[in-house]
Amino acid sequence: MTTDISEDAESLGEWLQRNSRAVSIASGAVAIAVVSIWFYMRSAEIKRLNADRGLSQAKQSIAAGNAALAATDLQKVAARYVGTPGGTVAAMLLAQLQYDQAKYEEGLKALEAYQSARAAGPSLTDVWSLTGDGQLALGKASEAAASYQKAADATKLAGGRAMLLAKAARALMAAGKDPEALAIWQKLAADPDAAVVKNEVEIRLGELATKPAAK
């Protein structure tokens, strides 16, 4: 048994000696990979912390009633820290701030960079819903309906999805697209998870049933 172990050890030593260059290269590659991963994670953490810090400063400006300074601070955070929770909140707060001043185009612009799961993360539903609100305020009902649909598709909450689909259906009715709206209302009527909008569903179905067909 001892002889076998000795021979194995000798064989391993010989192998390492013959392949010392390859082993060194492999070890170096592993070390580089580890450092790269650490650097990436550390950079992401610093980015997140800086976003939170900038967002906190912007919120102080909002609390102080300085809308102009708040908008500037929020714009900086939203532009610099896409992909962070702080950046997403900053973009949504900026959009709402612009909406409150009837600057809907500016508000929608603030949300554009966050209309993906990678950029907005778990807040994607809120980003699309807020986008729809701005589009609806501009009279772009069809676009708003599409945004509400995307918001509904992004959420895993049954009740929330039902409410967003109801918003999409309302927007379609405002756009004069009754058949598309009817399809959504009928879908909600058959959905046991849509109890939160049950009363409205019944009302809207009644409205569409008695509404004269478009010529």
N, C-alpha and C. Protein backbone atom coordinates (compact mmCIF):
# COMPACT_ATOMS: atom_id res chain seq x y z
N MET A 1 0.83 -1.20 0.00
CA MET A 1 0.00 0.00 0.00
C MET A 1 0.87 1.25 0.00
N THR A 2 1.94 1.22 0.88
CA THR A 2 2.84 2.38 1.00
C THR A 2 3.54 2.64 -0.31
N THR A 3 3.95 1.55 -0.96
CA THR A 3 4.66 1.67 -2.23
C THR A 3 3.77 2.33 -3.27
N ASP A 4 2.51 1.93 -3.29
CA ASP A 4 1.58 2.50 -4.27
C ASP A 4 1.42 4.00 -4.07
N ILE A 5 1.25 4.42 -2.82
CA ILE A 5 1.10 5.85 -2.53
C ILE A 5 2.33 6.62 -2.96
N SER A 6 3.49 6.06 -2.67
CA SER A 6 4.75 6.71 -3.03
C SER A 6 4.86 6.87 -4.53
N GLU A 7 4.48 5.79 -5.24
CA GLU A 7 4.55 5.85 -6.70
C GLU A 7 3.57 6.87 -7.26
N ASP A 8 2.36 6.94 -6.64
CA ASP A 8 1.38 7.92 -7.09
C ASP A 8 1.90 9.33 -6.88
N ALA A 9 2.50 9.54 -5.70
CA ALA A 9 3.02 10.87 -5.39
C ALA A 9 4.13 11.25 -6.35
N GLU A 10 4.98 10.27 -6.67
CA GLU A 10 6.07 10.54 -7.60
C GLU A 10 5.53 10.84 -8.98
N SER A 11 4.51 10.09 -9.37
CA SER A 11 3.92 10.32 -10.68
C SER A 11 3.30 11.70 -10.77
N LEU A 12 2.63 12.12 -9.69
CA LEU A 12 2.02 13.45 -9.67
C LEU A 12 3.09 14.52 -9.74
N GLY A 13 4.17 14.29 -8.99
CA GLY A 13 5.26 15.28 -9.01
C GLY A 13 5.87 15.41 -10.39
N GLU A 14 6.05 14.26 -11.04
CA GLU A 14 6.61 14.31 -12.39
C GLU A 14 5.67 15.02 -13.35
N TRP A 15 4.37 14.74 -13.18
CA TRP A 15 3.39 15.38 -14.06
C TRP A 15 3.40 16.88 -13.89
N LEU A 16 3.43 17.33 -12.61
CA LEU A 16 3.46 18.76 -12.33
C LEU A 16 4.71 19.41 -12.91
N GLN A 17 5.80 18.68 -12.83
CA GLN A 17 7.05 19.23 -13.35
C GLN A 17 6.99 19.38 -14.87
N ARG A 18 6.43 18.35 -15.51
CA ARG A 18 6.32 18.39 -16.97
C ARG A 18 5.34 19.45 -17.45
N ASN A 19 4.32 19.71 -16.63
CA ASN A 19 3.25 20.63 -17.05
C ASN A 19 3.22 21.90 -16.19
N SER A 20 4.36 22.27 -15.66
CA SER A 20 4.41 23.42 -14.76
C SER A 20 3.91 24.70 -15.44
N ARG A 21 4.22 24.86 -16.70
CA ARG A 21 3.78 26.08 -17.40
C ARG A 21 2.25 26.11 -17.53
N ALA A 22 1.67 24.97 -17.90
CA ALA A 22 0.21 24.91 -18.04
C ALA A 22 -0.48 25.12 -16.70
N VAL A 23 0.10 24.52 -15.64
CA VAL A 23 -0.48 24.69 -14.31
C VAL A 23 -0.43 26.15 -13.88
N SER A 24 0.68 26.80 -14.16
CA SER A 24 0.83 28.22 -13.80
C SER A 24 -0.18 29.08 -14.53
N ILE A 25 -0.36 28.76 -15.81
CA ILE A 25 -1.31 29.54 -16.60
C ILE A 25 -2.73 29.33 -16.08
N ALA A 26 -3.07 28.08 -15.78
CA ALA A 26 -4.42 27.77 -15.27
C ALA A 26 -4.66 28.45 -13.94
N SER A 27 -3.65 28.40 -13.06
CA SER A 27 -3.78 29.04 -11.75
C SER A 27 -3.98 30.54 -11.90
N GLY A 28 -3.22 31.10 -12.84
CA GLY A 28 -3.35 32.53 -13.08
C GLY A 28 -4.71 32.90 -13.62
N ALA A 29 -5.25 32.04 -14.49
CA ALA A 29 -6.58 32.30 -15.07
C ALA A 29 -7.65 32.26 -13.99
N VAL A 30 -7.53 31.28 -13.10
CA VAL A 30 -8.49 31.17 -12.00
C VAL A 30 -8.41 32.40 -11.11
N ALA A 31 -7.19 32.82 -10.81
CA ALA A 31 -7.01 33.99 -9.96
C ALA A 31 -7.62 35.24 -10.60
N ILE A 32 -7.41 35.38 -11.91
CA ILE A 32 -7.96 36.53 -12.63
C ILE A 32 -9.48 36.50 -12.61
N ALA A 33 -10.04 35.30 -12.78
CA ALA A 33 -11.49 35.15 -12.77
C ALA A 33 -12.07 35.53 -11.42
N VAL A 34 -11.41 35.08 -10.36
CA VAL A 34 -11.87 35.39 -9.00
C VAL A 34 -11.81 36.89 -8.75
N VAL A 35 -10.72 37.51 -9.14
CA VAL A 35 -10.57 38.96 -8.95
C VAL A 35 -11.60 39.72 -9.78
N SER A 36 -11.84 39.24 -11.00
CA SER A 36 -12.82 39.91 -11.87
C SER A 36 -14.22 39.86 -11.27
N ILE A 37 -14.58 38.67 -10.74
CA ILE A 37 -15.90 38.52 -10.12
C ILE A 37 -16.03 39.43 -8.91
N TRP A 38 -14.97 39.45 -8.10
CA TRP A 38 -14.99 40.31 -6.90
C TRP A 38 -15.12 41.78 -7.31
N PHE A 39 -14.37 42.18 -8.32
CA PHE A 39 -14.39 43.57 -8.76
C PHE A 39 -15.77 43.95 -9.28
N TYR A 40 -16.38 43.03 -10.05
CA TYR A 40 -17.71 43.28 -10.59
C TYR A 40 -18.73 43.45 -9.46
N MET A 41 -18.68 42.54 -8.50
CA MET A 41 -19.63 42.59 -7.39
C MET A 41 -19.41 43.84 -6.55
N ARG A 42 -18.16 44.16 -6.33
CA ARG A 42 -17.86 45.36 -5.54
C ARG A 42 -18.29 46.62 -6.28
N SER A 43 -18.08 46.67 -7.58
CA SER A 43 -18.49 47.84 -8.37
C SER A 43 -20.01 47.99 -8.35
N ALA A 44 -20.72 46.86 -8.45
CA ALA A 44 -22.18 46.90 -8.42
C ALA A 44 -22.68 47.40 -7.07
N GLU A 45 -22.01 46.96 -6.01
CA GLU A 45 -22.41 47.40 -4.67
C GLU A 45 -22.16 48.89 -4.48
N ILE A 46 -21.03 49.37 -4.95
CA ILE A 46 -20.72 50.81 -4.86
C ILE A 46 -21.73 51.62 -5.67
N LYS A 47 -22.07 51.12 -6.84
CA LYS A 47 -23.05 51.80 -7.70
C LYS A 47 -24.39 51.88 -6.99
N ARG A 48 -24.79 50.79 -6.36
CA ARG A 48 -26.07 50.77 -5.65
C ARG A 48 -26.06 51.75 -4.49
N LEU A 49 -24.97 51.77 -3.73
CA LEU A 49 -24.87 52.67 -2.58
C LEU A 49 -24.87 54.14 -3.02
N ASN A 50 -24.17 54.44 -4.11
CA ASN A 50 -24.15 55.81 -4.62
C ASN A 50 -25.53 56.24 -5.11
N ALA A 51 -26.25 55.30 -5.72
CA ALA A 51 -27.60 55.60 -6.18
C ALA A 51 -28.51 55.90 -5.00
N ASP A 52 -28.40 55.11 -3.95
CA ASP A 52 -29.22 55.32 -2.76
C ASP A 52 -28.89 56.66 -2.11
N ARG A 53 -27.61 57.00 -2.11
CA ARG A 53 -27.18 58.26 -1.51
C ARG A 53 -27.74 59.45 -2.31
N GLY A 54 -27.64 59.36 -3.63
CA GLY A 54 -28.16 60.43 -4.47
C GLY A 54 -29.67 60.54 -4.37
N LEU A 55 -30.34 59.39 -4.26
CA LEU A 55 -31.80 59.39 -4.13
C LEU A 55 -32.22 60.03 -2.82
N SER A 56 -31.49 59.75 -1.76
CA SER A 56 -31.79 60.34 -0.46
C SER A 56 -31.68 61.87 -0.52
N GLN A 57 -30.67 62.35 -1.21
CA GLN A 57 -30.48 63.80 -1.36
C GLN A 57 -31.63 64.41 -2.14
N ALA A 58 -32.07 63.73 -3.19
CA ALA A 58 -33.18 64.23 -4.01
C ALA A 58 -34.47 64.28 -3.19
N LYS A 59 -34.68 63.27 -2.36
CA LYS A 59 -35.88 63.24 -1.52
C LYS A 59 -35.89 64.40 -0.53
N GLN A 60 -34.72 64.79 -0.07
CA GLN A 60 -34.62 65.94 0.83
C GLN A 60 -35.06 67.21 0.12
N SER A 61 -34.69 67.32 -1.16
CA SER A 61 -35.10 68.48 -1.95
C SER A 61 -36.61 68.49 -2.16
N ILE A 62 -37.19 67.29 -2.35
CA ILE A 62 -38.65 67.19 -2.51
C ILE A 62 -39.33 67.60 -1.22
N ALA A 63 -38.81 67.11 -0.09
CA ALA A 63 -39.40 67.42 1.21
C ALA A 63 -39.32 68.91 1.51
N ALA A 64 -38.28 69.55 0.99
CA ALA A 64 -38.09 70.98 1.22
C ALA A 64 -38.94 71.82 0.27
N GLY A 65 -39.63 71.17 -0.66
CA GLY A 65 -40.49 71.88 -1.59
C GLY A 65 -39.75 72.50 -2.76
N ASN A 66 -38.49 72.10 -2.96
CA ASN A 66 -37.69 72.65 -4.05
C ASN A 66 -37.78 71.70 -5.24
N ALA A 67 -38.83 71.86 -6.02
CA ALA A 67 -39.10 70.95 -7.14
C ALA A 67 -38.01 71.01 -8.21
N ALA A 68 -37.48 72.21 -8.46
CA ALA A 68 -36.46 72.36 -9.50
C ALA A 68 -35.19 71.61 -9.13
N LEU A 69 -34.74 71.79 -7.89
CA LEU A 69 -33.53 71.09 -7.43
C LEU A 69 -33.77 69.60 -7.36
N ALA A 70 -34.96 69.21 -6.92
CA ALA A 70 -35.30 67.79 -6.84
C ALA A 70 -35.24 67.15 -8.21
N ALA A 71 -35.78 67.84 -9.22
CA ALA A 71 -35.78 67.31 -10.59
C ALA A 71 -34.35 67.12 -11.09
N THR A 72 -33.49 68.09 -10.78
CA THR A 72 -32.08 67.99 -11.19
C THR A 72 -31.40 66.81 -10.51
N ASP A 73 -31.62 66.67 -9.20
CA ASP A 73 -31.00 65.58 -8.45
C ASP A 73 -31.51 64.22 -8.93
N LEU A 74 -32.80 64.13 -9.17
CA LEU A 74 -33.39 62.87 -9.62
C LEU A 74 -32.89 62.50 -11.02
N GLN A 75 -32.76 63.49 -11.88
CA GLN A 75 -32.27 63.26 -13.23
C GLN A 75 -30.86 62.69 -13.20
N LYS A 76 -30.01 63.21 -12.32
CA LYS A 76 -28.63 62.73 -12.21
C LYS A 76 -28.60 61.27 -11.78
N VAL A 77 -29.40 60.95 -10.77
CA VAL A 77 -29.42 59.58 -10.25
C VAL A 77 -29.98 58.61 -11.31
N ALA A 78 -31.07 59.00 -11.94
CA ALA A 78 -31.70 58.14 -12.94
C ALA A 78 -30.77 57.89 -14.13
N ALA A 79 -30.03 58.91 -14.52
CA ALA A 79 -29.14 58.79 -15.69
C ALA A 79 -27.88 57.99 -15.37
N ARG A 80 -27.34 58.16 -14.18
CA ARG A 80 -26.07 57.52 -13.83
C ARG A 80 -26.20 56.09 -13.34
N TYR A 81 -27.33 55.76 -12.75
CA TYR A 81 -27.42 54.48 -12.05
C TYR A 81 -28.54 53.58 -12.56
N VAL A 82 -28.62 53.46 -13.88
CA VAL A 82 -29.59 52.55 -14.49
C VAL A 82 -29.25 51.12 -14.04
N GLY A 83 -30.28 50.38 -13.68
CA GLY A 83 -30.05 49.01 -13.24
C GLY A 83 -29.98 48.85 -11.73
N THR A 84 -30.08 49.96 -11.00
CA THR A 84 -30.09 49.90 -9.55
C THR A 84 -31.49 50.25 -9.03
N PRO A 85 -31.84 49.76 -7.85
CA PRO A 85 -33.14 50.12 -7.27
C PRO A 85 -33.28 51.63 -7.09
N GLY A 86 -32.20 52.27 -6.64
CA GLY A 86 -32.24 53.72 -6.44
C GLY A 86 -32.46 54.47 -7.73
N GLY A 87 -31.82 54.01 -8.79
CA GLY A 87 -32.00 54.66 -10.09
C GLY A 87 -33.43 54.52 -10.59
N THR A 88 -34.02 53.35 -10.38
CA THR A 88 -35.40 53.12 -10.81
C THR A 88 -36.38 54.01 -10.06
N VAL A 89 -36.21 54.09 -8.73
CA VAL A 89 -37.08 54.95 -7.93
C VAL A 89 -36.92 56.40 -8.34
N ALA A 90 -35.68 56.81 -8.60
CA ALA A 90 -35.42 58.19 -9.02
C ALA A 90 -36.15 58.50 -10.33
N ALA A 91 -36.10 57.58 -11.27
CA ALA A 91 -36.78 57.79 -12.57
C ALA A 91 -38.28 57.92 -12.38
N MET A 92 -38.85 57.08 -11.53
CA MET A 92 -40.30 57.13 -11.32
C MET A 92 -40.70 58.40 -10.56
N LEU A 93 -39.91 58.79 -9.58
CA LEU A 93 -40.21 60.03 -8.86
C LEU A 93 -40.10 61.24 -9.78
N LEU A 94 -39.09 61.22 -10.65
CA LEU A 94 -38.91 62.31 -11.60
C LEU A 94 -40.10 62.38 -12.55
N ALA A 95 -40.53 61.22 -13.04
CA ALA A 95 -41.69 61.19 -13.95
C ALA A 95 -42.93 61.74 -13.26
N GLN A 96 -43.16 61.33 -12.02
CA GLN A 96 -44.33 61.81 -11.29
C GLN A 96 -44.23 63.30 -11.03
N LEU A 97 -43.02 63.77 -10.74
CA LEU A 97 -42.81 65.21 -10.51
C LEU A 97 -43.15 66.00 -11.77
N GLN A 98 -42.74 65.47 -12.91
CA GLN A 98 -43.05 66.12 -14.19
C GLN A 98 -44.54 66.05 -14.50
N TYR A 99 -45.15 64.92 -14.21
CA TYR A 99 -46.60 64.78 -14.44
C TYR A 99 -47.37 65.81 -13.61
N ASP A 100 -46.95 66.00 -12.37
CA ASP A 100 -47.63 66.94 -11.48
C ASP A 100 -47.59 68.36 -12.02
N GLN A 101 -46.63 68.63 -12.90
CA GLN A 101 -46.51 69.95 -13.52
C GLN A 101 -47.03 69.93 -14.96
N ALA A 102 -47.76 68.86 -15.29
CA ALA A 102 -48.32 68.68 -16.63
C ALA A 102 -47.23 68.59 -17.71
N LYS A 103 -46.04 68.19 -17.32
CA LYS A 103 -44.94 68.00 -18.28
C LYS A 103 -44.86 66.50 -18.62
N TYR A 104 -45.85 66.03 -19.30
CA TYR A 104 -45.97 64.59 -19.52
C TYR A 104 -44.90 64.02 -20.45
N GLU A 105 -44.54 64.77 -21.47
CA GLU A 105 -43.50 64.31 -22.38
C GLU A 105 -42.18 64.12 -21.63
N GLU A 106 -41.84 65.10 -20.77
CA GLU A 106 -40.61 65.01 -19.99
C GLU A 106 -40.67 63.83 -19.02
N GLY A 107 -41.84 63.63 -18.44
CA GLY A 107 -42.01 62.51 -17.52
C GLY A 107 -41.81 61.17 -18.22
N LEU A 108 -42.38 61.03 -19.41
CA LEU A 108 -42.23 59.80 -20.16
C LEU A 108 -40.77 59.58 -20.57
N LYS A 109 -40.09 60.65 -20.89
CA LYS A 109 -38.68 60.56 -21.26
C LYS A 109 -37.85 60.00 -20.11
N ALA A 110 -38.20 60.38 -18.90
CA ALA A 110 -37.45 59.93 -17.73
C ALA A 110 -37.58 58.42 -17.52
N LEU A 111 -38.64 57.83 -18.03
CA LEU A 111 -38.90 56.41 -17.80
C LEU A 111 -38.33 55.50 -18.89
N GLU A 112 -37.97 56.07 -20.01
CA GLU A 112 -37.59 55.26 -21.17
C GLU A 112 -36.46 54.27 -20.89
N ALA A 113 -35.44 54.70 -20.15
CA ALA A 113 -34.29 53.84 -19.91
C ALA A 113 -34.59 52.69 -18.96
N TYR A 114 -35.76 52.75 -18.33
CA TYR A 114 -36.10 51.74 -17.33
C TYR A 114 -37.22 50.80 -17.77
N GLN A 115 -37.50 50.77 -19.05
CA GLN A 115 -38.60 49.94 -19.54
C GLN A 115 -38.13 48.54 -19.95
N SER A 116 -37.30 47.95 -19.11
CA SER A 116 -36.85 46.58 -19.32
C SER A 116 -36.60 45.94 -17.96
N ALA A 117 -36.68 44.63 -17.91
CA ALA A 117 -36.48 43.92 -16.64
C ALA A 117 -35.06 44.12 -16.12
N ARG A 118 -34.10 44.21 -17.02
CA ARG A 118 -32.71 44.40 -16.60
C ARG A 118 -32.51 45.74 -15.93
N ALA A 119 -33.17 46.76 -16.43
CA ALA A 119 -33.00 48.10 -15.87
C ALA A 119 -33.85 48.35 -14.65
N ALA A 120 -35.09 47.89 -14.67
CA ALA A 120 -36.04 48.20 -13.59
C ALA A 120 -36.18 47.10 -12.55
N GLY A 121 -35.77 45.89 -12.89
CA GLY A 121 -35.89 44.79 -11.93
C GLY A 121 -37.33 44.56 -11.53
N PRO A 122 -37.57 44.36 -10.23
CA PRO A 122 -38.94 44.08 -9.76
C PRO A 122 -39.90 45.26 -9.89
N SER A 123 -39.38 46.43 -10.26
CA SER A 123 -40.23 47.62 -10.40
C SER A 123 -40.73 47.82 -11.83
N LEU A 124 -40.50 46.83 -12.70
CA LEU A 124 -40.89 46.99 -14.11
C LEU A 124 -42.38 47.23 -14.26
N THR A 125 -43.18 46.54 -13.47
CA THR A 125 -44.64 46.75 -13.53
C THR A 125 -45.00 48.20 -13.25
N ASP A 126 -44.39 48.77 -12.21
CA ASP A 126 -44.69 50.16 -11.85
C ASP A 126 -44.22 51.13 -12.93
N VAL A 127 -43.09 50.83 -13.54
CA VAL A 127 -42.56 51.70 -14.61
C VAL A 127 -43.54 51.73 -15.78
N TRP A 128 -44.02 50.55 -16.20
CA TRP A 128 -44.94 50.51 -17.34
C TRP A 128 -46.29 51.13 -17.01
N SER A 129 -46.75 50.93 -15.77
CA SER A 129 -48.03 51.53 -15.37
C SER A 129 -47.93 53.05 -15.37
N LEU A 130 -46.82 53.56 -14.86
CA LEU A 130 -46.61 55.01 -14.84
C LEU A 130 -46.46 55.56 -16.25
N THR A 131 -45.86 54.78 -17.11
CA THR A 131 -45.74 55.16 -18.52
C THR A 131 -47.13 55.29 -19.15
N GLY A 132 -47.97 54.32 -18.86
CA GLY A 132 -49.34 54.37 -19.38
C GLY A 132 -50.10 55.59 -18.89
N ASP A 133 -49.89 55.95 -17.62
CA ASP A 133 -50.57 57.14 -17.06
C ASP A 133 -50.19 58.40 -17.84
N GLY A 134 -48.91 58.52 -18.15
CA GLY A 134 -48.46 59.69 -18.90
C GLY A 134 -49.00 59.72 -20.30
N GLN A 135 -49.00 58.58 -20.95
CA GLN A 135 -49.53 58.50 -22.32
C GLN A 135 -51.02 58.81 -22.35
N LEU A 136 -51.74 58.32 -21.36
CA LEU A 136 -53.18 58.58 -21.30
C LEU A 136 -53.44 60.07 -21.10
N ALA A 137 -52.63 60.72 -20.27
CA ALA A 137 -52.79 62.15 -20.02
C ALA A 137 -52.53 62.97 -21.29
N LEU A 138 -51.72 62.42 -22.19
CA LEU A 138 -51.43 63.09 -23.46
C LEU A 138 -52.45 62.77 -24.54
N GLY A 139 -53.44 61.95 -24.19
CA GLY A 139 -54.46 61.57 -25.16
C GLY A 139 -54.04 60.43 -26.05
N LYS A 140 -52.95 59.74 -25.68
CA LYS A 140 -52.47 58.60 -26.47
C LYS A 140 -53.01 57.31 -25.85
N ALA A 141 -54.30 57.15 -25.96
CA ALA A 141 -54.98 56.05 -25.28
C ALA A 141 -54.53 54.67 -25.77
N SER A 142 -54.32 54.51 -27.05
CA SER A 142 -53.90 53.21 -27.58
C SER A 142 -52.53 52.82 -27.04
N GLU A 143 -51.61 53.80 -27.00
CA GLU A 143 -50.28 53.54 -26.46
C GLU A 143 -50.35 53.24 -24.97
N ALA A 144 -51.23 53.95 -24.29
CA ALA A 144 -51.40 53.72 -22.85
C ALA A 144 -51.90 52.29 -22.60
N ALA A 145 -52.83 51.84 -23.41
CA ALA A 145 -53.36 50.48 -23.26
C ALA A 145 -52.26 49.45 -23.41
N ALA A 146 -51.37 49.68 -24.38
CA ALA A 146 -50.26 48.75 -24.60
C ALA A 146 -49.32 48.74 -23.39
N SER A 147 -49.09 49.91 -22.81
CA SER A 147 -48.21 50.00 -21.64
C SER A 147 -48.82 49.32 -20.43
N TYR A 148 -50.12 49.50 -20.24
CA TYR A 148 -50.80 48.83 -19.13
C TYR A 148 -50.76 47.30 -19.31
N GLN A 149 -50.87 46.86 -20.55
CA GLN A 149 -50.78 45.42 -20.83
C GLN A 149 -49.39 44.90 -20.46
N LYS A 150 -48.36 45.66 -20.80
CA LYS A 150 -47.00 45.26 -20.45
C LYS A 150 -46.80 45.24 -18.93
N ALA A 151 -47.43 46.19 -18.26
CA ALA A 151 -47.36 46.22 -16.80
C ALA A 151 -48.02 44.98 -16.22
N ALA A 152 -49.16 44.61 -16.79
CA ALA A 152 -49.88 43.41 -16.33
C ALA A 152 -49.06 42.16 -16.57
N ASP A 153 -48.40 42.10 -17.72
CA ASP A 153 -47.59 40.94 -18.05
C ASP A 153 -46.38 40.79 -17.12
N ALA A 154 -45.94 41.91 -16.56
CA ALA A 154 -44.73 41.90 -15.74
C ALA A 154 -44.97 41.55 -14.28
N THR A 155 -46.24 41.57 -13.85
CA THR A 155 -46.51 41.30 -12.43
C THR A 155 -46.92 39.85 -12.21
N LYS A 156 -46.61 39.36 -11.01
CA LYS A 156 -46.99 38.00 -10.63
C LYS A 156 -48.18 38.03 -9.65
N LEU A 157 -48.65 39.22 -9.33
CA LEU A 157 -49.75 39.36 -8.39
C LEU A 157 -51.07 39.34 -9.15
N ALA A 158 -51.90 38.37 -8.86
CA ALA A 158 -53.15 38.19 -9.61
C ALA A 158 -54.06 39.41 -9.52
N GLY A 159 -54.24 39.94 -8.30
CA GLY A 159 -55.09 41.11 -8.13
C GLY A 159 -54.54 42.32 -8.85
N GLY A 160 -53.25 42.52 -8.75
CA GLY A 160 -52.61 43.65 -9.43
C GLY A 160 -52.73 43.53 -10.93
N ARG A 161 -52.58 42.31 -11.42
CA ARG A 161 -52.70 42.09 -12.86
C ARG A 161 -54.11 42.42 -13.34
N ALA A 162 -55.11 42.04 -12.57
CA ALA A 162 -56.49 42.32 -12.94
C ALA A 162 -56.74 43.82 -13.02
N MET A 163 -56.22 44.56 -12.07
CA MET A 163 -56.41 46.02 -12.07
C MET A 163 -55.72 46.68 -13.26
N LEU A 164 -54.56 46.16 -13.61
CA LEU A 164 -53.84 46.73 -14.75
C LEU A 164 -54.53 46.39 -16.06
N LEU A 165 -55.07 45.20 -16.16
CA LEU A 165 -55.82 44.84 -17.36
C LEU A 165 -57.09 45.69 -17.48
N ALA A 166 -57.68 46.01 -16.34
CA ALA A 166 -58.85 46.90 -16.35
C ALA A 166 -58.45 48.28 -16.87
N LYS A 167 -57.28 48.76 -16.46
CA LYS A 167 -56.80 50.05 -16.95
C LYS A 167 -56.56 49.99 -18.46
N ALA A 168 -56.04 48.86 -18.93
CA ALA A 168 -55.81 48.69 -20.37
C ALA A 168 -57.14 48.71 -21.12
N ALA A 169 -58.14 48.04 -20.56
CA ALA A 169 -59.45 48.00 -21.20
C ALA A 169 -60.09 49.38 -21.24
N ARG A 170 -59.96 50.13 -20.16
CA ARG A 170 -60.50 51.49 -20.13
C ARG A 170 -59.83 52.36 -21.19
N ALA A 171 -58.51 52.20 -21.31
CA ALA A 171 -57.77 52.99 -22.30
C ALA A 171 -58.22 52.63 -23.71
N LEU A 172 -58.47 51.35 -23.95
CA LEU A 172 -58.94 50.92 -25.27
C LEU A 172 -60.31 51.50 -25.57
N MET A 173 -61.17 51.57 -24.57
CA MET A 173 -62.49 52.18 -24.77
C MET A 173 -62.33 53.66 -25.09
N ALA A 174 -61.39 54.32 -24.40
CA ALA A 174 -61.15 55.74 -24.67
C ALA A 174 -60.61 55.95 -26.08
N ALA A 175 -59.90 54.94 -26.59
CA ALA A 175 -59.35 55.02 -27.94
C ALA A 175 -60.36 54.61 -29.00
N GLY A 176 -61.57 54.21 -28.55
CA GLY A 176 -62.60 53.78 -29.49
C GLY A 176 -62.42 52.36 -29.98
N LYS A 177 -61.61 51.59 -29.27
CA LYS A 177 -61.37 50.20 -29.66
C LYS A 177 -62.20 49.27 -28.78
N ASP A 178 -63.50 49.34 -28.95
CA ASP A 178 -64.42 48.58 -28.10
C ASP A 178 -64.26 47.06 -28.21
N PRO A 179 -64.06 46.51 -29.40
CA PRO A 179 -63.92 45.05 -29.48
C PRO A 179 -62.73 44.54 -28.66
N GLU A 180 -61.61 45.26 -28.73
CA GLU A 180 -60.43 44.85 -27.96
C GLU A 180 -60.69 44.99 -26.47
N ALA A 181 -61.38 46.07 -26.10
CA ALA A 181 -61.72 46.29 -24.69
C ALA A 181 -62.67 45.20 -24.21
N LEU A 182 -63.65 44.86 -25.02
CA LEU A 182 -64.62 43.83 -24.65
C LEU A 182 -63.93 42.49 -24.38
N ALA A 183 -62.94 42.17 -25.19
CA ALA A 183 -62.21 40.91 -25.01
C ALA A 183 -61.55 40.84 -23.64
N ILE A 184 -61.00 41.99 -23.21
CA ILE A 184 -60.35 42.02 -21.90
C ILE A 184 -61.37 41.91 -20.78
N TRP A 185 -62.48 42.66 -20.89
CA TRP A 185 -63.52 42.60 -19.86
C TRP A 185 -64.08 41.19 -19.73
N GLN A 186 -64.28 40.53 -20.86
CA GLN A 186 -64.81 39.16 -20.83
C GLN A 186 -63.81 38.19 -20.19
N LYS A 187 -62.54 38.43 -20.47
CA LYS A 187 -61.50 37.60 -19.86
C LYS A 187 -61.48 37.79 -18.35
N LEU A 188 -61.62 39.03 -17.91
CA LEU A 188 -61.64 39.33 -16.48
C LEU A 188 -62.89 38.75 -15.82
N ALA A 189 -64.00 38.75 -16.54
CA ALA A 189 -65.24 38.22 -16.00
C ALA A 189 -65.13 36.73 -15.70
N ALA A 190 -64.31 36.04 -16.49
CA ALA A 190 -64.15 34.59 -16.32
C ALA A 190 -62.98 34.22 -15.42
N ASP A 191 -62.26 35.24 -14.95
CA ASP A 191 -61.07 34.99 -14.13
C ASP A 191 -61.42 35.03 -12.65
N PRO A 192 -61.29 33.92 -11.92
CA PRO A 192 -61.61 33.91 -10.49
C PRO A 192 -60.67 34.78 -9.65
N ASP A 193 -59.53 35.11 -10.21
CA ASP A 193 -58.56 35.95 -9.49
C ASP A 193 -58.80 37.44 -9.72
N ALA A 194 -59.84 37.77 -10.48
CA ALA A 194 -60.12 39.17 -10.81
C ALA A 194 -61.26 39.75 -9.99
N ALA A 195 -61.48 39.19 -8.80
CA ALA A 195 -62.59 39.64 -7.95
C ALA A 195 -62.48 41.12 -7.61
N VAL A 196 -61.25 41.63 -7.55
CA VAL A 196 -61.03 43.02 -7.17
C VAL A 196 -61.67 44.00 -8.15
N VAL A 197 -61.89 43.57 -9.40
CA VAL A 197 -62.49 44.47 -10.40
C VAL A 197 -63.84 43.93 -10.88
N LYS A 198 -64.42 43.01 -10.14
CA LYS A 198 -65.66 42.35 -10.55
C LYS A 198 -66.78 43.34 -10.82
N ASN A 199 -66.98 44.30 -9.91
CA ASN A 199 -68.08 45.27 -10.09
C ASN A 199 -67.90 46.10 -11.36
N GLU A 200 -66.67 46.56 -11.58
CA GLU A 200 -66.44 47.36 -12.78
C GLU A 200 -66.61 46.52 -14.03
N VAL A 201 -66.16 45.29 -13.99
CA VAL A 201 -66.31 44.41 -15.14
C VAL A 201 -67.78 44.29 -15.55
N GLU A 202 -68.66 44.10 -14.59
CA GLU A 202 -70.08 43.98 -14.88
C GLU A 202 -70.64 45.27 -15.49
N ILE A 203 -70.19 46.40 -14.95
CA ILE A 203 -70.65 47.70 -15.46
C ILE A 203 -70.19 47.90 -16.91
N ARG A 204 -68.91 47.63 -17.15
CA ARG A 204 -68.36 47.85 -18.49
C ARG A 204 -68.98 46.91 -19.52
N LEU A 205 -69.21 45.68 -19.12
CA LEU A 205 -69.85 44.75 -20.05
C LEU A 205 -71.26 45.21 -20.39
N GLY A 206 -71.95 45.76 -19.39
CA GLY A 206 -73.29 46.30 -19.63
C GLY A 206 -73.24 47.50 -20.57
N GLU A 207 -72.26 48.38 -20.36
CA GLU A 207 -72.11 49.56 -21.21
C GLU A 207 -71.87 49.15 -22.66
N LEU A 208 -70.97 48.20 -22.87
CA LEU A 208 -70.62 47.79 -24.22
C LEU A 208 -71.76 47.02 -24.88
N ALA A 209 -72.56 46.32 -24.07
CA ALA A 209 -73.67 45.56 -24.63
C ALA A 209 -74.77 46.47 -25.16
N THR A 210 -74.92 47.64 -24.54
CA THR A 210 -76.00 48.57 -24.94
C THR A 210 -75.49 49.68 -25.87
N LYS A 211 -74.19 49.68 -26.10
CA LYS A 211 -73.62 50.73 -26.93
C LYS A 211 -73.85 50.41 -28.41
N PRO A 212 -74.34 51.38 -29.18
CA PRO A 212 -74.57 51.13 -30.61
C PRO A 212 -73.27 50.74 -31.30
N ALA A 213 -73.36 49.82 -32.20
CA ALA A 213 -72.17 49.37 -32.93
C ALA A 213 -71.69 50.50 -33.83
N ALA A 214 -70.37 50.64 -33.91
CA ALA A 214 -69.79 51.68 -34.78
C ALA A 214 -70.03 51.35 -36.23
N LYS A 215 -70.36 52.37 -36.99
CA LYS A 215 -70.61 52.16 -38.42
C LYS A 215 -69.35 52.36 -39.21
